[in-house]
Amino acid sequence: MEGRAVVYNPDSMPPREAWKNPTDWLGAIHPDKRIVLPTDDRGFVQVENAFDRVMDLFHDNYKWEFIPDDFRTIPDFHHFYYYEKEWEMWATRLAMSDDKFESKNANAVIDFRNNPSNIGWMLRGIHNALHHTTQKPEMPSLEPIVDFNTNFSLASIAFGKVFDTATGAIKSSEQIKSRRRTVKNNPDIAPEGDPTGSAILGDKYDRKYKYLQKSLREFLGVDNKEILLPDGEAFAIDHTTPLETIIELGKKIKNFGGVDFRPRN
């Protein structure tokens, strides 16, 4: 079916002065004239690149504002894979397929569309502009979607273990420090410094740290680590990463609902 020209109400867009070439983009735009979103070799949208291409349509010095009573500025979520109805229809077709792989993984396409790494948290005006100026993404093939979901789940579980064990190791380390302070400040404790109690705490810490290293190896062995995208940037962790950094990252991931694309100015 031939694409139709799309017209957005100018009031739903960023103001005219925000655009570098407002006459090119404000008003009706035929879908074929809109920006093609960049994809990787799997056919997946490169969300950061896609967002940057849209932002390049606006003046760098334009100061984006947040005004609670102005619907153009209120942040909301943008699914980079739209439209929802089309993805639901795809899932329904897969569920009714005679192919066992397709019917078994019918829900995978919905999980993929709703994956936090495929959702952006952005100002409503930018959200509208992205729909208005870009072409609807092509649906990737089912096989890489299933692989992505599997690896994402494995990475989530593996990082969860890293986070838990890092938290445990920090707690155990604090217990050792507290014990040392107690021994140092308590004259009633033997001069050798309570070796039995210290040894128990030290053994407990060693066991937790060994399990932490095992959990790290498990996580680093996962192919797809998109779980590490809580702030819109890729985080790399390895055996040299401070435990405090892992814990802070884990806290962000627990509340991760989408990549944060809100302007920092």
Protein backbone atom coordinates (compact mmCIF):
# COMPACT_ATOMS: atom_id res chain seq x y z
CA MET A 1 0.00 0.00 0.00
CA GLU A 2 1.35 3.41 -0.93
CA GLY A 3 2.43 5.47 2.05
CA ARG A 4 0.36 8.50 2.87
CA ALA A 5 1.53 11.94 3.88
CA VAL A 6 1.43 12.43 7.63
CA VAL A 7 0.48 15.70 9.25
CA TYR A 8 1.08 16.43 12.92
CA ASN A 9 -0.47 19.39 14.64
CA PRO A 10 2.31 22.03 14.90
CA ASP A 11 1.36 22.51 18.55
CA SER A 12 2.44 18.91 19.24
CA MET A 13 5.92 19.60 17.85
CA PRO A 14 8.86 21.54 19.29
CA PRO A 15 8.45 25.25 18.40
CA ARG A 16 9.50 26.48 14.97
CA GLU A 17 12.59 28.23 16.33
CA ALA A 18 13.94 24.90 17.63
CA TRP A 19 14.32 23.41 14.13
CA LYS A 20 17.30 24.02 11.84
CA ASN A 21 15.07 23.75 8.74
CA PRO A 22 11.49 24.09 9.92
CA THR A 23 10.03 24.37 6.41
CA ASP A 24 11.40 20.90 5.60
CA TRP A 25 9.87 19.19 8.58
CA LEU A 26 6.84 21.10 9.87
CA GLY A 27 3.71 20.11 8.00
CA ALA A 28 2.97 17.13 5.79
CA ILE A 29 5.82 14.68 5.15
CA HIS A 30 5.40 11.69 2.88
CA PRO A 31 6.66 8.53 4.67
CA ASP A 32 9.18 7.87 1.91
CA LYS A 33 10.79 11.25 2.62
CA ARG A 34 11.30 10.53 6.28
CA ILE A 35 14.55 9.39 7.94
CA VAL A 36 15.37 5.68 7.81
CA LEU A 37 16.38 4.55 11.29
CA PRO A 38 19.85 2.97 11.44
CA THR A 39 20.02 -0.76 12.19
CA ASP A 40 22.74 -3.27 13.07
CA ASP A 41 23.53 -6.52 11.27
CA ARG A 42 20.59 -8.22 13.03
CA GLY A 43 18.16 -5.63 11.71
CA PHE A 44 17.77 -4.13 15.19
CA VAL A 45 17.30 -0.38 15.51
CA GLN A 46 20.35 1.37 16.94
CA VAL A 47 18.34 3.45 19.36
CA GLU A 48 21.06 5.92 20.41
CA ASN A 49 22.02 6.55 16.79
CA ALA A 50 18.37 6.93 15.82
CA PHE A 51 17.78 9.46 18.58
CA ASP A 52 20.88 11.43 17.61
CA ARG A 53 19.72 11.67 13.99
CA VAL A 54 16.46 13.23 15.09
CA MET A 55 18.16 15.58 17.53
CA ASP A 56 20.44 16.73 14.71
CA LEU A 57 17.35 18.37 13.16
CA PHE A 58 17.31 20.89 16.01
CA HIS A 59 19.63 23.76 16.89
CA ASP A 60 22.34 22.70 19.32
CA ASN A 61 21.80 25.79 21.44
CA TYR A 62 18.04 25.31 21.73
CA LYS A 63 17.25 24.96 25.42
CA TRP A 64 14.67 22.27 25.99
CA GLU A 65 12.33 23.17 28.80
CA PHE A 66 10.18 21.16 31.15
CA ILE A 67 6.89 22.90 31.92
CA PRO A 68 4.39 20.64 33.74
CA ASP A 69 1.40 22.42 32.15
CA ASP A 70 2.84 22.27 28.60
CA PHE A 71 2.14 18.90 26.96
CA ARG A 72 5.03 19.47 24.51
CA THR A 73 7.56 19.23 27.35
CA ILE A 74 6.22 16.44 29.55
CA PRO A 75 8.43 13.32 29.28
CA ASP A 76 6.97 9.97 28.30
CA PHE A 77 8.06 6.63 26.85
CA HIS A 78 8.68 6.03 23.15
CA HIS A 79 8.76 2.49 21.77
CA PHE A 80 11.31 2.49 18.97
CA TYR A 81 9.36 -0.41 17.44
CA TYR A 82 5.90 0.85 16.58
CA TYR A 83 3.03 0.45 16.06
CA GLU A 84 1.85 -1.70 18.98
CA LYS A 85 -1.15 -3.09 17.08
CA GLU A 86 1.05 -4.41 14.28
CA TRP A 87 3.29 -6.24 16.75
CA GLU A 88 0.26 -7.73 18.48
CA MET A 89 -1.04 -8.93 15.11
CA TRP A 90 2.35 -10.49 14.36
CA ALA A 91 2.27 -12.33 17.68
CA THR A 92 -1.21 -13.62 16.90
CA ARG A 93 -0.12 -14.91 13.49
CA LEU A 94 2.87 -16.65 15.03
CA ALA A 95 0.71 -18.28 17.70
CA MET A 96 -1.51 -19.80 14.99
CA SER A 97 1.43 -20.96 12.86
CA ASP A 98 1.98 -24.65 12.09
CA ASP A 99 5.71 -24.05 12.56
CA LYS A 100 6.56 -25.15 16.12
CA PHE A 101 9.37 -22.60 16.49
CA GLU A 102 7.02 -19.75 15.51
CA SER A 103 4.10 -20.84 17.66
CA LYS A 104 6.36 -21.51 20.65
CA ASN A 105 7.95 -18.04 20.43
CA ALA A 106 4.88 -15.99 19.58
CA ASN A 107 5.18 -13.88 22.71
CA ALA A 108 8.87 -13.26 22.06
CA VAL A 109 8.08 -10.42 19.66
CA ILE A 110 6.03 -8.60 22.32
CA ASP A 111 8.78 -9.12 24.92
CA PHE A 112 11.32 -7.75 22.44
CA ARG A 113 9.25 -4.66 21.63
CA ASN A 114 8.76 -3.98 25.34
CA ASN A 115 12.39 -4.63 26.28
CA PRO A 116 13.75 -1.59 28.18
CA SER A 117 16.64 -1.21 25.74
CA ASN A 118 14.08 -0.65 22.94
CA ILE A 119 12.20 2.05 24.84
CA GLY A 120 13.24 5.67 25.28
CA TRP A 121 12.26 8.10 28.03
CA MET A 122 12.10 11.50 26.33
CA LEU A 123 10.26 14.79 26.11
CA ARG A 124 6.88 14.51 24.42
CA GLY A 125 7.87 17.04 21.74
CA ILE A 126 10.89 14.93 20.77
CA HIS A 127 8.72 11.81 20.89
CA ASN A 128 6.31 13.37 18.41
CA ALA A 129 9.16 14.65 16.24
CA LEU A 130 10.68 11.18 16.10
CA HIS A 131 7.41 9.69 14.83
CA HIS A 132 6.95 12.57 12.42
CA THR A 133 10.42 12.60 10.86
CA THR A 134 11.41 8.91 10.80
CA GLN A 135 10.14 5.90 8.93
CA LYS A 136 8.51 3.09 10.85
CA PRO A 137 11.18 0.44 11.58
CA GLU A 138 11.04 -2.85 9.74
CA MET A 139 10.27 -5.85 11.92
CA PRO A 140 13.39 -7.97 12.44
CA SER A 141 13.36 -11.72 11.83
CA LEU A 142 12.04 -13.92 14.61
CA GLU A 143 15.27 -15.90 15.12
CA PRO A 144 17.50 -12.97 16.23
CA ILE A 145 14.65 -11.68 18.41
CA VAL A 146 14.47 -15.00 20.24
CA ASP A 147 18.27 -15.05 20.61
CA PHE A 148 18.22 -11.50 21.97
CA ASN A 149 15.50 -12.30 24.52
CA THR A 150 17.35 -15.42 25.67
CA ASN A 151 20.66 -13.62 26.08
CA PHE A 152 18.99 -10.65 27.76
CA SER A 153 17.39 -13.00 30.28
CA LEU A 154 20.68 -14.81 30.89
CA ALA A 155 22.49 -11.49 31.33
CA SER A 156 19.82 -10.28 33.75
CA ILE A 157 20.10 -13.41 35.88
CA ALA A 158 23.89 -13.42 35.72
CA PHE A 159 24.20 -9.76 36.65
CA GLY A 160 21.69 -10.26 39.45
CA LYS A 161 24.09 -12.80 40.97
CA VAL A 162 26.99 -10.37 40.57
CA PHE A 163 25.00 -7.62 42.28
CA ASP A 164 23.92 -9.88 45.17
CA THR A 165 27.40 -11.27 45.76
CA ALA A 166 29.02 -7.83 45.52
CA THR A 167 26.54 -6.57 48.11
CA GLY A 168 27.35 -9.56 50.34
CA ALA A 169 31.09 -9.04 49.97
CA ILE A 170 30.79 -5.36 50.90
CA LYS A 171 28.69 -6.25 53.95
CA SER A 172 31.19 -8.92 55.03
CA SER A 173 34.07 -6.47 54.59
CA GLU A 174 32.27 -3.93 56.77
CA GLN A 175 31.76 -6.59 59.45
CA ILE A 176 35.50 -7.29 59.48
CA LYS A 177 36.29 -3.57 59.81
CA SER A 178 33.74 -3.24 62.62
CA ARG A 179 35.24 -6.22 64.41
CA ARG A 180 38.72 -4.75 64.15
CA ARG A 181 37.52 -1.44 65.61
CA THR A 182 35.83 -3.30 68.46
CA VAL A 183 38.98 -5.25 69.26
CA LYS A 184 41.15 -2.15 69.05
CA ASN A 185 38.91 -0.10 71.35
CA ASN A 186 38.10 -2.82 73.90
CA PRO A 187 40.85 -3.34 76.52
CA ASP A 188 39.19 -6.52 77.83
CA ILE A 189 39.95 -8.43 74.63
CA ALA A 190 43.18 -10.44 74.59
CA PRO A 191 46.24 -8.78 73.02
CA GLU A 192 46.26 -11.28 70.16
CA GLY A 193 43.10 -9.58 68.96
CA ASP A 194 40.36 -12.21 69.16
CA PRO A 195 41.84 -14.51 66.49
CA THR A 196 38.89 -16.92 66.47
CA GLY A 197 36.25 -14.29 65.73
CA SER A 198 38.42 -12.57 63.12
CA ALA A 199 39.17 -15.89 61.42
CA ILE A 200 35.46 -16.72 61.15
CA LEU A 201 34.68 -13.36 59.58
CA GLY A 202 37.68 -13.61 57.26
CA ASP A 203 36.64 -17.08 56.07
CA LYS A 204 33.11 -15.82 55.46
CA TYR A 205 34.45 -12.93 53.36
CA ASP A 206 36.75 -15.24 51.36
CA ARG A 207 33.85 -17.54 50.47
CA LYS A 208 31.67 -14.63 49.38
CA TYR A 209 34.47 -13.13 47.31
CA LYS A 210 35.17 -16.44 45.55
CA TYR A 211 31.48 -16.73 44.65
CA LEU A 212 31.56 -13.13 43.42
CA GLN A 213 34.43 -13.98 41.06
CA LYS A 214 32.51 -17.02 39.82
CA SER A 215 29.42 -14.86 39.22
CA LEU A 216 31.50 -12.31 37.33
CA ARG A 217 32.91 -15.03 35.05
CA GLU A 218 29.36 -16.23 34.39
CA PHE A 219 28.17 -12.75 33.49
CA LEU A 220 31.17 -11.98 31.28
CA GLY A 221 30.47 -15.20 29.38
CA VAL A 222 27.04 -13.99 28.26
CA ASP A 223 27.08 -12.84 24.64
CA ASN A 224 24.47 -10.11 24.88
CA LYS A 225 24.78 -7.62 27.75
CA GLU A 226 22.11 -5.05 26.84
CA ILE A 227 20.99 -5.25 30.47
CA LEU A 228 23.73 -2.69 31.17
CA LEU A 229 21.90 0.30 29.69
CA PRO A 230 20.23 2.09 32.60
CA ASP A 231 21.41 5.57 31.57
CA GLY A 232 21.50 5.24 27.81
CA GLU A 233 25.15 4.27 27.72
CA ALA A 234 26.87 0.92 27.68
CA PHE A 235 28.59 -0.06 30.91
CA ALA A 236 31.46 -2.54 30.88
CA ILE A 237 32.25 -4.40 34.08
CA ASP A 238 35.03 -6.90 34.70
CA HIS A 239 37.17 -8.21 37.55
CA THR A 240 38.71 -4.77 38.09
CA THR A 241 35.40 -2.95 38.60
CA PRO A 242 35.00 -1.66 42.19
CA LEU A 243 32.27 -3.42 44.15
CA GLU A 244 30.68 -0.06 44.95
CA THR A 245 30.33 0.64 41.21
CA ILE A 246 28.66 -2.74 40.62
CA ILE A 247 26.23 -2.10 43.45
CA GLU A 248 25.27 1.38 42.20
CA LEU A 249 24.78 0.01 38.68
CA GLY A 250 22.64 -2.81 40.06
CA LYS A 251 20.38 -0.33 41.84
CA LYS A 252 19.84 1.57 38.57
CA ILE A 253 19.13 -1.62 36.64
CA LYS A 254 16.45 -2.66 39.13
CA ASN A 255 14.51 0.50 38.24
CA PHE A 256 15.41 0.44 34.54
CA GLY A 257 12.29 0.98 32.41
CA GLY A 258 13.85 2.56 29.34
CA VAL A 259 16.86 4.45 28.05
CA ASP A 260 16.88 8.00 29.43
CA PHE A 261 17.05 10.41 26.47
CA ARG A 262 15.97 13.55 28.29
CA PRO A 263 18.18 16.54 27.46
CA ARG A 264 20.79 17.31 30.08
CA ASN A 265 20.75 21.09 29.46
